[in-house]
């Protein structure tokens, strides 16, 4: 019997979808273990979405904002509008400690 996997070539969309699914599963595990909250993830993904929009990548920004809305819609989430308004806040009791990469000098 011939191995049908020899002709398999993953598309960029398939790779993206699989990476996204694994990422969302990882976030669910981290949330259940208390490492990160959905509120924090919503804020972080929204920040990345805003950066993507500023860079002119509207499709990516729209997709990321949808993911942020999904995180924000969880039981401990906040509205996406409130997250946008509070985008520059860090270490605020209401938002939690939203991680941000250090600036590269």
PDB file of N, CA and C in Angstrom:
ATOM      1  N   UNK A   1       0.851  -1.173   0.000  1.00  0.00           N
ATOM      2  CA  UNK A   1       0.000   0.000   0.000  1.00  0.00           C
ATOM      3  C   UNK A   1       0.901   1.242   0.000  1.00  0.00           C
ATOM      4  N   UNK A   2       0.606   2.155  -0.862  1.00  0.00           N
ATOM      5  CA  UNK A   2       1.408   3.372  -0.996  1.00  0.00           C
ATOM      6  C   UNK A   2       1.114   4.315   0.168  1.00  0.00           C
ATOM      7  N   UNK A   3       2.143   5.016   0.586  1.00  0.00           N
ATOM      8  CA  UNK A   3       1.999   5.984   1.665  1.00  0.00           C
ATOM      9  C   UNK A   3       1.492   7.296   1.075  1.00  0.00           C
ATOM     10  N   UNK A   4       0.272   7.690   1.419  1.00  0.00           N
ATOM     11  CA  UNK A   4      -0.347   8.896   0.859  1.00  0.00           C
ATOM     12  C   UNK A   4       0.232  10.177   1.442  1.00  0.00           C
ATOM     13  N   UNK A   5       1.013  10.076   2.501  1.00  0.00           N
ATOM     14  CA  UNK A   5       1.571  11.276   3.123  1.00  0.00           C
ATOM     15  C   UNK A   5       2.713  11.870   2.318  1.00  0.00           C
ATOM     16  N   UNK A   6       3.251  11.123   1.359  1.00  0.00           N
ATOM     17  CA  UNK A   6       4.363  11.629   0.558  1.00  0.00           C
ATOM     18  C   UNK A   6       3.985  12.869  -0.244  1.00  0.00           C
ATOM     19  N   UNK A   7       2.732  12.982  -0.631  1.00  0.00           N
ATOM     20  CA  UNK A   7       2.284  14.097  -1.459  1.00  0.00           C
ATOM     21  C   UNK A   7       1.644  15.220  -0.648  1.00  0.00           C
ATOM     22  N   UNK A   8       1.650  15.081   0.656  1.00  0.00           N
ATOM     23  CA  UNK A   8       1.007  16.086   1.506  1.00  0.00           C
ATOM     24  C   UNK A   8       1.905  17.309   1.662  1.00  0.00           C
ATOM     25  N   UNK A   9       1.362  18.468   1.317  1.00  0.00           N
ATOM     26  CA  UNK A   9       2.061  19.734   1.511  1.00  0.00           C
ATOM     27  C   UNK A   9       1.114  20.672   2.249  1.00  0.00           C
ATOM     28  N   UNK A  10       1.456  21.018   3.501  1.00  0.00           N
ATOM     29  CA  UNK A  10       0.563  21.891   4.273  1.00  0.00           C
ATOM     30  C   UNK A  10       0.510  23.294   3.681  1.00  0.00           C
ATOM     31  N   UNK A  11      -0.659  23.857   3.670  1.00  0.00           N
ATOM     32  CA  UNK A  11      -0.839  25.229   3.193  1.00  0.00           C
ATOM     33  C   UNK A  11      -0.545  26.194   4.335  1.00  0.00           C
ATOM     34  N   UNK A  12      -0.332  27.429   4.010  1.00  0.00           N
ATOM     35  CA  UNK A  12      -0.083  28.451   5.027  1.00  0.00           C
ATOM     36  C   UNK A  12      -1.280  28.579   5.964  1.00  0.00           C
ATOM     37  N   UNK A  13      -2.492  28.454   5.421  1.00  0.00           N
ATOM     38  CA  UNK A  13      -3.693  28.548   6.248  1.00  0.00           C
ATOM     39  C   UNK A  13      -3.771  27.389   7.227  1.00  0.00           C
ATOM     40  N   UNK A  14      -3.455  26.185   6.783  1.00  0.00           N
ATOM     41  CA  UNK A  14      -3.480  25.020   7.665  1.00  0.00           C
ATOM     42  C   UNK A  14      -2.461  25.187   8.797  1.00  0.00           C
ATOM     43  N   UNK A  15      -1.277  25.628   8.464  1.00  0.00           N
ATOM     44  CA  UNK A  15      -0.244  25.843   9.481  1.00  0.00           C
ATOM     45  C   UNK A  15      -0.704  26.896  10.483  1.00  0.00           C
ATOM     46  N   UNK A  16      -1.272  27.988   9.992  1.00  0.00           N
ATOM     47  CA  UNK A  16      -1.773  29.040  10.878  1.00  0.00           C
ATOM     48  C   UNK A  16      -2.874  28.496  11.781  1.00  0.00           C
ATOM     49  N   UNK A  17      -3.837  27.768  11.202  1.00  0.00           N
ATOM     50  CA  UNK A  17      -4.947  27.222  11.983  1.00  0.00           C
ATOM     51  C   UNK A  17      -4.457  26.259  13.059  1.00  0.00           C
ATOM     52  N   UNK A  18      -3.492  25.415  12.728  1.00  0.00           N
ATOM     53  CA  UNK A  18      -2.959  24.476  13.712  1.00  0.00           C
ATOM     54  C   UNK A  18      -2.192  25.201  14.816  1.00  0.00           C
ATOM     55  N   UNK A  19      -1.399  26.181  14.437  1.00  0.00           N
ATOM     56  CA  UNK A  19      -0.680  26.962  15.450  1.00  0.00           C
ATOM     57  C   UNK A  19      -1.650  27.693  16.371  1.00  0.00           C
ATOM     58  N   UNK A  20      -2.699  28.255  15.799  1.00  0.00           N
ATOM     59  CA  UNK A  20      -3.688  28.970  16.594  1.00  0.00           C
ATOM     60  C   UNK A  20      -4.403  28.013  17.548  1.00  0.00           C
ATOM     61  N   UNK A  21      -4.780  26.844  17.052  1.00  0.00           N
ATOM     62  CA  UNK A  21      -5.458  25.859  17.910  1.00  0.00           C
ATOM     63  C   UNK A  21      -4.565  25.442  19.078  1.00  0.00           C
ATOM     64  N   UNK A  22      -3.297  25.190  18.805  1.00  0.00           N
ATOM     65  CA  UNK A  22      -2.360  24.821  19.873  1.00  0.00           C
ATOM     66  C   UNK A  22      -2.186  25.969  20.864  1.00  0.00           C
ATOM     67  N   UNK A  23      -2.100  27.183  20.365  1.00  0.00           N
ATOM     68  CA  UNK A  23      -1.954  28.362  21.221  1.00  0.00           C
ATOM     69  C   UNK A  23      -3.168  28.516  22.133  1.00  0.00           C
ATOM     70  N   UNK A  24      -4.365  28.370  21.575  1.00  0.00           N
ATOM     71  CA  UNK A  24      -5.578  28.521  22.376  1.00  0.00           C
ATOM     72  C   UNK A  24      -5.670  27.427  23.427  1.00  0.00           C
ATOM     73  N   UNK A  25      -5.268  26.208  23.090  1.00  0.00           N
ATOM     74  CA  UNK A  25      -5.237  25.120  24.075  1.00  0.00           C
ATOM     75  C   UNK A  25      -4.247  25.433  25.187  1.00  0.00           C
ATOM     76  N   UNK A  26      -3.088  25.962  24.827  1.00  0.00           N
ATOM     77  CA  UNK A  26      -2.085  26.331  25.823  1.00  0.00           C
ATOM     78  C   UNK A  26      -2.619  27.409  26.757  1.00  0.00           C
ATOM     79  N   UNK A  27      -3.288  28.403  26.222  1.00  0.00           N
ATOM     80  CA  UNK A  27      -3.852  29.467  27.048  1.00  0.00           C
ATOM     81  C   UNK A  27      -4.893  28.886  28.010  1.00  0.00           C
ATOM     82  N   UNK A  28      -5.716  27.954  27.541  1.00  0.00           N
ATOM     83  CA  UNK A  28      -6.722  27.336  28.413  1.00  0.00           C
ATOM     84  C   UNK A  28      -6.054  26.594  29.572  1.00  0.00           C
ATOM     85  N   UNK A  29      -4.970  25.881  29.290  1.00  0.00           N
ATOM     86  CA  UNK A  29      -4.238  25.165  30.344  1.00  0.00           C
ATOM     87  C   UNK A  29      -3.624  26.162  31.333  1.00  0.00           C
ATOM     88  N   UNK A  30      -3.011  27.231  30.817  1.00  0.00           N
ATOM     89  CA  UNK A  30      -2.404  28.233  31.692  1.00  0.00           C
ATOM     90  C   UNK A  30      -3.447  28.928  32.555  1.00  0.00           C
ATOM     91  N   UNK A  31      -4.628  29.178  31.990  1.00  0.00           N
ATOM     92  CA  UNK A  31      -5.691  29.829  32.751  1.00  0.00           C
ATOM     93  C   UNK A  31      -6.183  28.897  33.863  1.00  0.00           C
ATOM     94  N   UNK A  32      -6.373  27.624  33.543  1.00  0.00           N
ATOM     95  CA  UNK A  32      -6.852  26.673  34.549  1.00  0.00           C
ATOM     96  C   UNK A  32      -5.843  26.480  35.669  1.00  0.00           C
ATOM     97  N   UNK A  33      -4.560  26.622  35.374  1.00  0.00           N
ATOM     98  CA  UNK A  33      -3.536  26.459  36.405  1.00  0.00           C
ATOM     99  C   UNK A  33      -3.262  27.765  37.152  1.00  0.00           C
ATOM    100  N   UNK A  34      -3.916  28.851  36.766  1.00  0.00           N
ATOM    101  CA  UNK A  34      -3.785  30.119  37.465  1.00  0.00           C
ATOM    102  C   UNK A  34      -2.588  30.957  37.057  1.00  0.00           C
ATOM    103  N   UNK A  35      -1.918  30.585  35.982  1.00  0.00           N
ATOM    104  CA  UNK A  35      -0.737  31.319  35.534  1.00  0.00           C
ATOM    105  C   UNK A  35      -1.132  32.628  34.862  1.00  0.00           C
ATOM    106  N   UNK A  36      -2.210  32.610  34.104  1.00  0.00           N
ATOM    107  CA  UNK A  36      -2.664  33.775  33.360  1.00  0.00           C
ATOM    108  C   UNK A  36      -4.187  33.758  33.344  1.00  0.00           C
ATOM    109  N   UNK A  37      -4.798  34.932  33.265  1.00  0.00           N
ATOM    110  CA  UNK A  37      -6.252  34.992  33.182  1.00  0.00           C
ATOM    111  C   UNK A  37      -6.669  35.303  31.745  1.00  0.00           C
ATOM    112  N   UNK A  38      -7.898  34.978  31.432  1.00  0.00           N
ATOM    113  CA  UNK A  38      -8.416  35.311  30.106  1.00  0.00           C
ATOM    114  C   UNK A  38      -8.419  36.824  29.904  1.00  0.00           C
ATOM    115  N   UNK A  39      -8.640  37.568  30.967  1.00  0.00           N
ATOM    116  CA  UNK A  39      -8.622  39.027  30.884  1.00  0.00           C
ATOM    117  C   UNK A  39      -7.236  39.515  30.451  1.00  0.00           C
ATOM    118  N   UNK A  40      -6.204  38.932  31.049  1.00  0.00           N
ATOM    119  CA  UNK A  40      -4.848  39.318  30.677  1.00  0.00           C
ATOM    120  C   UNK A  40      -4.555  38.949  29.225  1.00  0.00           C
ATOM    121  N   UNK A  41      -4.988  37.768  28.805  1.00  0.00           N
ATOM    122  CA  UNK A  41      -4.742  37.339  27.430  1.00  0.00           C
ATOM    123  C   UNK A  41      -5.505  38.220  26.454  1.00  0.00           C
ATOM    124  N   UNK A  42      -6.732  38.604  26.807  1.00  0.00           N
ATOM    125  CA  UNK A  42      -7.502  39.491  25.927  1.00  0.00           C
ATOM    126  C   UNK A  42      -6.771  40.808  25.744  1.00  0.00           C
ATOM    127  N   UNK A  43      -6.257  41.358  26.839  1.00  0.00           N
ATOM    128  CA  UNK A  43      -5.544  42.636  26.758  1.00  0.00           C
ATOM    129  C   UNK A  43      -4.278  42.497  25.917  1.00  0.00           C
ATOM    130  N   UNK A  44      -3.539  41.410  26.109  1.00  0.00           N
ATOM    131  CA  UNK A  44      -2.283  41.224  25.372  1.00  0.00           C
ATOM    132  C   UNK A  44      -2.543  41.038  23.879  1.00  0.00           C
ATOM    133  N   UNK A  45      -3.505  40.187  23.536  1.00  0.00           N
ATOM    134  CA  UNK A  45      -3.805  39.941  22.125  1.00  0.00           C
ATOM    135  C   UNK A  45      -4.357  41.206  21.477  1.00  0.00           C
ATOM    136  N   UNK A  46      -5.142  41.976  22.224  1.00  0.00           N
ATOM    137  CA  UNK A  46      -5.655  43.232  21.685  1.00  0.00           C
ATOM    138  C   UNK A  46      -4.511  44.200  21.399  1.00  0.00           C
ATOM    139  N   UNK A  47      -3.520  44.249  22.283  1.00  0.00           N
ATOM    140  CA  UNK A  47      -2.354  45.114  22.037  1.00  0.00           C
ATOM    141  C   UNK A  47      -1.626  44.702  20.765  1.00  0.00           C
ATOM    142  N   UNK A  48      -1.478  43.413  20.552  1.00  0.00           N
ATOM    143  CA  UNK A  48      -0.824  42.930  19.330  1.00  0.00           C
ATOM    144  C   UNK A  48      -1.669  43.290  18.110  1.00  0.00           C
ATOM    145  N   UNK A  49      -2.993  43.182  18.250  1.00  0.00           N
ATOM    146  CA  UNK A  49      -3.906  43.551  17.164  1.00  0.00           C
ATOM    147  C   UNK A  49      -3.762  45.021  16.802  1.00  0.00           C
ATOM    148  N   UNK A  50      -3.682  45.868  17.818  1.00  0.00           N
ATOM    149  CA  UNK A  50      -3.535  47.309  17.576  1.00  0.00           C
ATOM    150  C   UNK A  50      -2.211  47.590  16.876  1.00  0.00           C
ATOM    151  N   UNK A  51      -1.144  46.909  17.308  1.00  0.00           N
ATOM    152  CA  UNK A  51       0.153  47.061  16.650  1.00  0.00           C
ATOM    153  C   UNK A  51       0.087  46.626  15.187  1.00  0.00           C
ATOM    154  N   UNK A  52      -0.602  45.508  14.926  1.00  0.00           N
ATOM    155  CA  UNK A  52      -0.729  45.015  13.549  1.00  0.00           C
ATOM    156  C   UNK A  52      -1.503  46.015  12.692  1.00  0.00           C
ATOM    157  N   UNK A  53      -2.557  46.596  13.266  1.00  0.00           N
ATOM    158  CA  UNK A  53      -3.350  47.590  12.522  1.00  0.00           C
ATOM    159  C   UNK A  53      -2.492  48.818  12.224  1.00  0.00           C
ATOM    160  N   UNK A  54      -1.687  49.250  13.217  1.00  0.00           N
ATOM    161  CA  UNK A  54      -0.794  50.394  13.012  1.00  0.00           C
ATOM    162  C   UNK A  54       0.237  50.111  11.929  1.00  0.00           C
ATOM    163  N   UNK A  55       0.631  48.829  11.792  1.00  0.00           N
ATOM    164  CA  UNK A  55       1.595  48.429  10.763  1.00  0.00           C
ATOM    165  C   UNK A  55       0.940  48.219   9.401  1.00  0.00           C
ATOM    166  N   UNK A  56      -0.387  48.384   9.332  1.00  0.00           N
ATOM    167  CA  UNK A  56      -1.094  48.253   8.065  1.00  0.00           C
ATOM    168  C   UNK A  56      -1.580  46.854   7.748  1.00  0.00           C
ATOM    169  N   UNK A  57      -1.451  45.906   8.682  1.00  0.00           N
ATOM    170  CA  UNK A  57      -1.901  44.530   8.446  1.00  0.00           C
ATOM    171  C   UNK A  57      -3.310  44.363   8.998  1.00  0.00           C
ATOM    172  N   UNK A  58      -4.285  44.890   8.266  1.00  0.00           N
ATOM    173  CA  UNK A  58      -5.675  44.905   8.727  1.00  0.00           C
ATOM    174  C   UNK A  58      -6.258  43.500   8.875  1.00  0.00           C
ATOM    175  N   UNK A  59      -6.030  42.558   7.938  1.00  0.00           N
ATOM    176  CA  UNK A  59      -6.590  41.212   8.137  1.00  0.00           C
ATOM    177  C   UNK A  59      -6.088  40.539   9.419  1.00  0.00           C
ATOM    178  N   UNK A  60      -4.797  40.640   9.691  1.00  0.00           N
ATOM    179  CA  UNK A  60      -4.257  40.058  10.925  1.00  0.00           C
ATOM    180  C   UNK A  60      -4.826  40.774  12.138  1.00  0.00           C
ATOM    181  N   UNK A  61      -4.906  42.087  12.085  1.00  0.00           N
ATOM    182  CA  UNK A  61      -5.453  42.859  13.202  1.00  0.00           C
ATOM    183  C   UNK A  61      -6.895  42.461  13.490  1.00  0.00           C
ATOM    184  N   UNK A  62      -7.676  42.264  12.449  1.00  0.00           N
ATOM    185  CA  UNK A  62      -9.071  41.874  12.613  1.00  0.00           C
ATOM    186  C   UNK A  62      -9.185  40.483  13.231  1.00  0.00           C
ATOM    187  N   UNK A  63      -8.352  39.551  12.754  1.00  0.00           N
ATOM    188  CA  UNK A  63      -8.360  38.188  13.302  1.00  0.00           C
ATOM    189  C   UNK A  63      -7.958  38.201  14.775  1.00  0.00           C
ATOM    190  N   UNK A  64      -6.924  38.956  15.120  1.00  0.00           N
ATOM    191  CA  UNK A  64      -6.464  39.018  16.505  1.00  0.00           C
ATOM    192  C   UNK A  64      -7.495  39.688  17.402  1.00  0.00           C
ATOM    193  N   UNK A  65      -8.176  40.707  16.896  1.00  0.00           N
ATOM    194  CA  UNK A  65      -9.220  41.343  17.698  1.00  0.00           C
ATOM    195  C   UNK A  65     -10.356  40.363  17.972  1.00  0.00           C
ATOM    196  N   UNK A  66     -10.659  39.506  16.998  1.00  0.00           N
ATOM    197  CA  UNK A  66     -11.670  38.470  17.217  1.00  0.00           C
ATOM    198  C   UNK A  66     -11.259  37.505  18.315  1.00  0.00           C
ATOM    199  N   UNK A  67      -9.978  37.140  18.330  1.00  0.00           N
ATOM    200  CA  UNK A  67      -9.464  36.254  19.382  1.00  0.00           C
ATOM    201  C   UNK A  67      -9.543  36.964  20.733  1.00  0.00           C
ATOM    202  N   UNK A  68      -9.175  38.244  20.754  1.00  0.00           N
ATOM    203  CA  UNK A  68      -9.253  39.018  21.998  1.00  0.00           C
ATOM    204  C   UNK A  68     -10.692  39.086  22.501  1.00  0.00           C
ATOM    205  N   UNK A  69     -11.641  39.249  21.593  1.00  0.00           N
ATOM    206  CA  UNK A  69     -13.055  39.269  21.992  1.00  0.00           C
ATOM    207  C   UNK A  69     -13.461  37.934  22.600  1.00  0.00           C
ATOM    208  N   UNK A  70     -12.925  36.844  22.042  1.00  0.00           N
ATOM    209  CA  UNK A  70     -13.206  35.528  22.609  1.00  0.00           C
ATOM    210  C   UNK A  70     -12.674  35.398  24.027  1.00  0.00           C
ATOM    211  N   UNK A  71     -11.449  35.857  24.261  1.00  0.00           N
ATOM    212  CA  UNK A  71     -10.886  35.829  25.607  1.00  0.00           C
ATOM    213  C   UNK A  71     -11.685  36.743  26.532  1.00  0.00           C
ATOM    214  N   UNK A  72     -12.045  37.923  26.046  1.00  0.00           N
ATOM    215  CA  UNK A  72     -12.774  38.888  26.867  1.00  0.00           C
ATOM    216  C   UNK A  72     -14.164  38.367  27.226  1.00  0.00           C
ATOM    217  N   UNK A  73     -14.717  37.497  26.401  1.00  0.00           N
ATOM    218  CA  UNK A  73     -16.048  36.958  26.647  1.00  0.00           C
ATOM    219  C   UNK A  73     -16.090  35.852  27.680  1.00  0.00           C
ATOM    220  N   UNK A  74     -14.950  35.462  28.217  1.00  0.00           N
ATOM    221  CA  UNK A  74     -14.906  34.426  29.252  1.00  0.00           C
ATOM    222  C   UNK A  74     -15.405  35.010  30.575  1.00  0.00           C
ATOM    223  N   UNK A  75     -15.701  34.152  31.559  1.00  0.00           N
ATOM    224  CA  UNK A  75     -16.305  34.630  32.817  1.00  0.00           C
ATOM    225  C   UNK A  75     -15.571  35.776  33.513  1.00  0.00           C
ATOM    226  N   UNK A  76     -14.243  35.814  33.456  1.00  0.00           N
ATOM    227  CA  UNK A  76     -13.540  36.899  34.139  1.00  0.00           C
ATOM    228  C   UNK A  76     -13.133  38.015  33.179  1.00  0.00           C
ATOM    229  N   UNK A  77     -13.700  38.024  31.983  1.00  0.00           N
ATOM    230  CA  UNK A  77     -13.310  38.983  30.955  1.00  0.00           C
ATOM    231  C   UNK A  77     -13.909  40.358  31.151  1.00  0.00           C
ATOM    232  N   UNK A  78     -13.447  41.278  30.341  1.00  0.00           N
ATOM    233  CA  UNK A  78     -13.962  42.643  30.293  1.00  0.00           C
ATOM    234  C   UNK A  78     -14.399  42.921  28.872  1.00  0.00           C
ATOM    235  N   UNK A  79     -15.169  43.974  28.674  1.00  0.00           N
ATOM    236  CA  UNK A  79     -15.574  44.302  27.317  1.00  0.00           C
ATOM    237  C   UNK A  79     -14.355  44.724  26.503  1.00  0.00           C
ATOM    238  N   UNK A  80     -14.408  44.466  25.218  1.00  0.00           N
ATOM    239  CA  UNK A  80     -13.293  44.820  24.334  1.00  0.00           C
ATOM    240  C   UNK A  80     -13.120  46.339  24.286  1.00  0.00           C
ATOM    241  N   UNK A  81     -14.216  47.088  24.406  1.00  0.00           N
ATOM    242  CA  UNK A  81     -14.134  48.549  24.426  1.00  0.00           C
ATOM    243  C   UNK A  81     -13.364  49.053  25.635  1.00  0.00           C
ATOM    244  N   UNK A  82     -13.608  48.439  26.789  1.00  0.00           N
ATOM    245  CA  UNK A  82     -12.884  48.824  27.993  1.00  0.00           C
ATOM    246  C   UNK A  82     -11.411  48.461  27.869  1.00  0.00           C
ATOM    247  N   UNK A  83     -11.127  47.301  27.286  1.00  0.00           N
ATOM    248  CA  UNK A  83      -9.732  46.908  27.086  1.00  0.00           C
ATOM    249  C   UNK A  83      -9.022  47.877  26.150  1.00  0.00           C
ATOM    250  N   UNK A  84      -9.708  48.334  25.102  1.00  0.00           N
ATOM    251  CA  UNK A  84      -9.103  49.309  24.189  1.00  0.00           C
ATOM    252  C   UNK A  84      -8.816  50.622  24.908  1.00  0.00           C
ATOM    253  N   UNK A  85      -9.763  51.059  25.742  1.00  0.00           N
ATOM    254  CA  UNK A  85      -9.585  52.320  26.459  1.00  0.00           C
ATOM    255  C   UNK A  85      -8.434  52.243  27.454  1.00  0.00           C
ATOM    256  N   UNK A  86      -8.191  51.046  27.971  1.00  0.00           N
ATOM    257  CA  UNK A  86      -7.148  50.868  28.980  1.00  0.00           C
ATOM    258  C   UNK A  86      -5.876  50.269  28.389  1.00  0.00           C
ATOM    259  N   UNK A  87      -5.698  50.381  27.096  1.00  0.00           N
ATOM    260  CA  UNK A  87      -4.595  49.727  26.405  1.00  0.00           C
ATOM    261  C   UNK A  87      -3.209  50.031  26.925  1.00  0.00           C
ATOM    262  N   UNK A  88      -2.979  51.202  27.483  1.00  0.00           N
ATOM    263  CA  UNK A  88      -1.640  51.561  27.939  1.00  0.00           C
ATOM    264  C   UNK A  88      -1.407  51.307  29.423  1.00  0.00           C
ATOM    265  N   UNK A  89      -2.412  50.793  30.130  1.00  0.00           N
ATOM    266  CA  UNK A  89      -2.267  50.568  31.567  1.00  0.00           C
ATOM    267  C   UNK A  89      -1.513  49.265  31.833  1.00  0.00           C
ATOM    268  N   UNK A  90      -0.643  49.298  32.793  1.00  0.00           N
ATOM    269  CA  UNK A  90       0.088  48.106  33.224  1.00  0.00           C
ATOM    270  C   UNK A  90       0.058  48.053  34.749  1.00  0.00           C
ATOM    271  N   UNK A  91       0.030  46.863  35.287  1.00  0.00           N
ATOM    272  CA  UNK A  91       0.044  46.629  36.737  1.00  0.00           C
ATOM    273  C   UNK A  91      -1.102  47.344  37.444  1.00  0.00           C
ATOM    274  N   UNK A  92      -2.229  47.419  36.790  1.00  0.00           N
ATOM    275  CA  UNK A  92      -3.427  48.010  37.377  1.00  0.00           C
ATOM    276  C   UNK A  92      -4.212  46.875  38.034  1.00  0.00           C
ATOM    277  N   UNK A  93      -4.744  47.107  39.233  1.00  0.00           N
ATOM    278  CA  UNK A  93      -5.469  46.047  39.938  1.00  0.00           C
ATOM    279  C   UNK A  93      -6.648  45.537  39.118  1.00  0.00           C
ATOM    280  N   UNK A  94      -7.318  46.406  38.385  1.00  0.00           N
ATOM    281  CA  UNK A  94      -8.474  45.987  37.604  1.00  0.00           C
ATOM    282  C   UNK A  94      -8.071  45.136  36.412  1.00  0.00           C
ATOM    283  N   UNK A  95      -6.919  45.417  35.824  1.00  0.00           N
ATOM    284  CA  UNK A  95      -6.489  44.699  34.627  1.00  0.00           C
ATOM    285  C   UNK A  95      -5.594  43.511  34.943  1.00  0.00           C
ATOM    286  N   UNK A  96      -4.970  43.495  36.092  1.00  0.00           N
ATOM    287  CA  UNK A  96      -3.980  42.477  36.364  1.00  0.00           C
ATOM    288  C   UNK A  96      -2.667  42.866  35.718  1.00  0.00           C
ATOM    289  N   UNK A  97      -1.663  42.113  35.962  1.00  0.00           N
ATOM    290  CA  UNK A  97      -0.345  42.403  35.388  1.00  0.00           C
ATOM    291  C   UNK A  97      -0.301  41.870  33.969  1.00  0.00           C
ATOM    292  N   UNK A  98      -0.470  42.743  32.999  1.00  0.00           N
ATOM    293  CA  UNK A  98      -0.470  42.346  31.602  1.00  0.00           C
ATOM    294  C   UNK A  98       0.968  42.336  31.125  1.00  0.00           C
ATOM    295  N   UNK A  99       1.478  41.176  30.742  1.00  0.00           N
ATOM    296  CA  UNK A  99       2.888  41.117  30.340  1.00  0.00           C
ATOM    297  C   UNK A  99       3.161  41.879  29.052  1.00  0.00           C
ATOM    298  N   UNK A 100       4.316  42.472  28.964  1.00  0.00           N
ATOM    299  CA  UNK A 100       4.738  43.180  27.761  1.00  0.00           C
ATOM    300  C   UNK A 100       6.225  42.948  27.596  1.00  0.00           C
ATOM    301  N   UNK A 101       6.631  42.709  26.365  1.00  0.00           N
ATOM    302  CA  UNK A 101       8.052  42.501  26.090  1.00  0.00           C
ATOM    303  C   UNK A 101       8.824  43.767  26.397  1.00  0.00           C
ATOM    304  N   UNK A 102      10.034  43.635  26.942  1.00  0.00           N
ATOM    305  CA  UNK A 102      10.832  44.837  27.182  1.00  0.00           C
ATOM    306  C   UNK A 102      11.215  45.513  25.870  1.00  0.00           C
ATOM    307  N   UNK A 103      11.345  46.827  25.907  1.00  0.00           N
ATOM    308  CA  UNK A 103      11.773  47.562  24.711  1.00  0.00           C
ATOM    309  C   UNK A 103      13.195  47.188  24.377  1.00  0.00           C
ATOM    310  N   UNK A 104      13.454  47.000  23.094  1.00  0.00           N
ATOM    311  CA  UNK A 104      14.802  46.693  22.640  1.00  0.00           C
ATOM    312  C   UNK A 104      15.528  48.010  22.390  1.00  0.00           C
ATOM    313  N   UNK A 105      16.696  48.122  22.948  1.00  0.00           N
ATOM    314  CA  UNK A 105      17.484  49.347  22.767  1.00  0.00           C
ATOM    315  C   UNK A 105      18.505  49.174  21.683  1.00  0.00           C
TER     316      UNK A 105
END
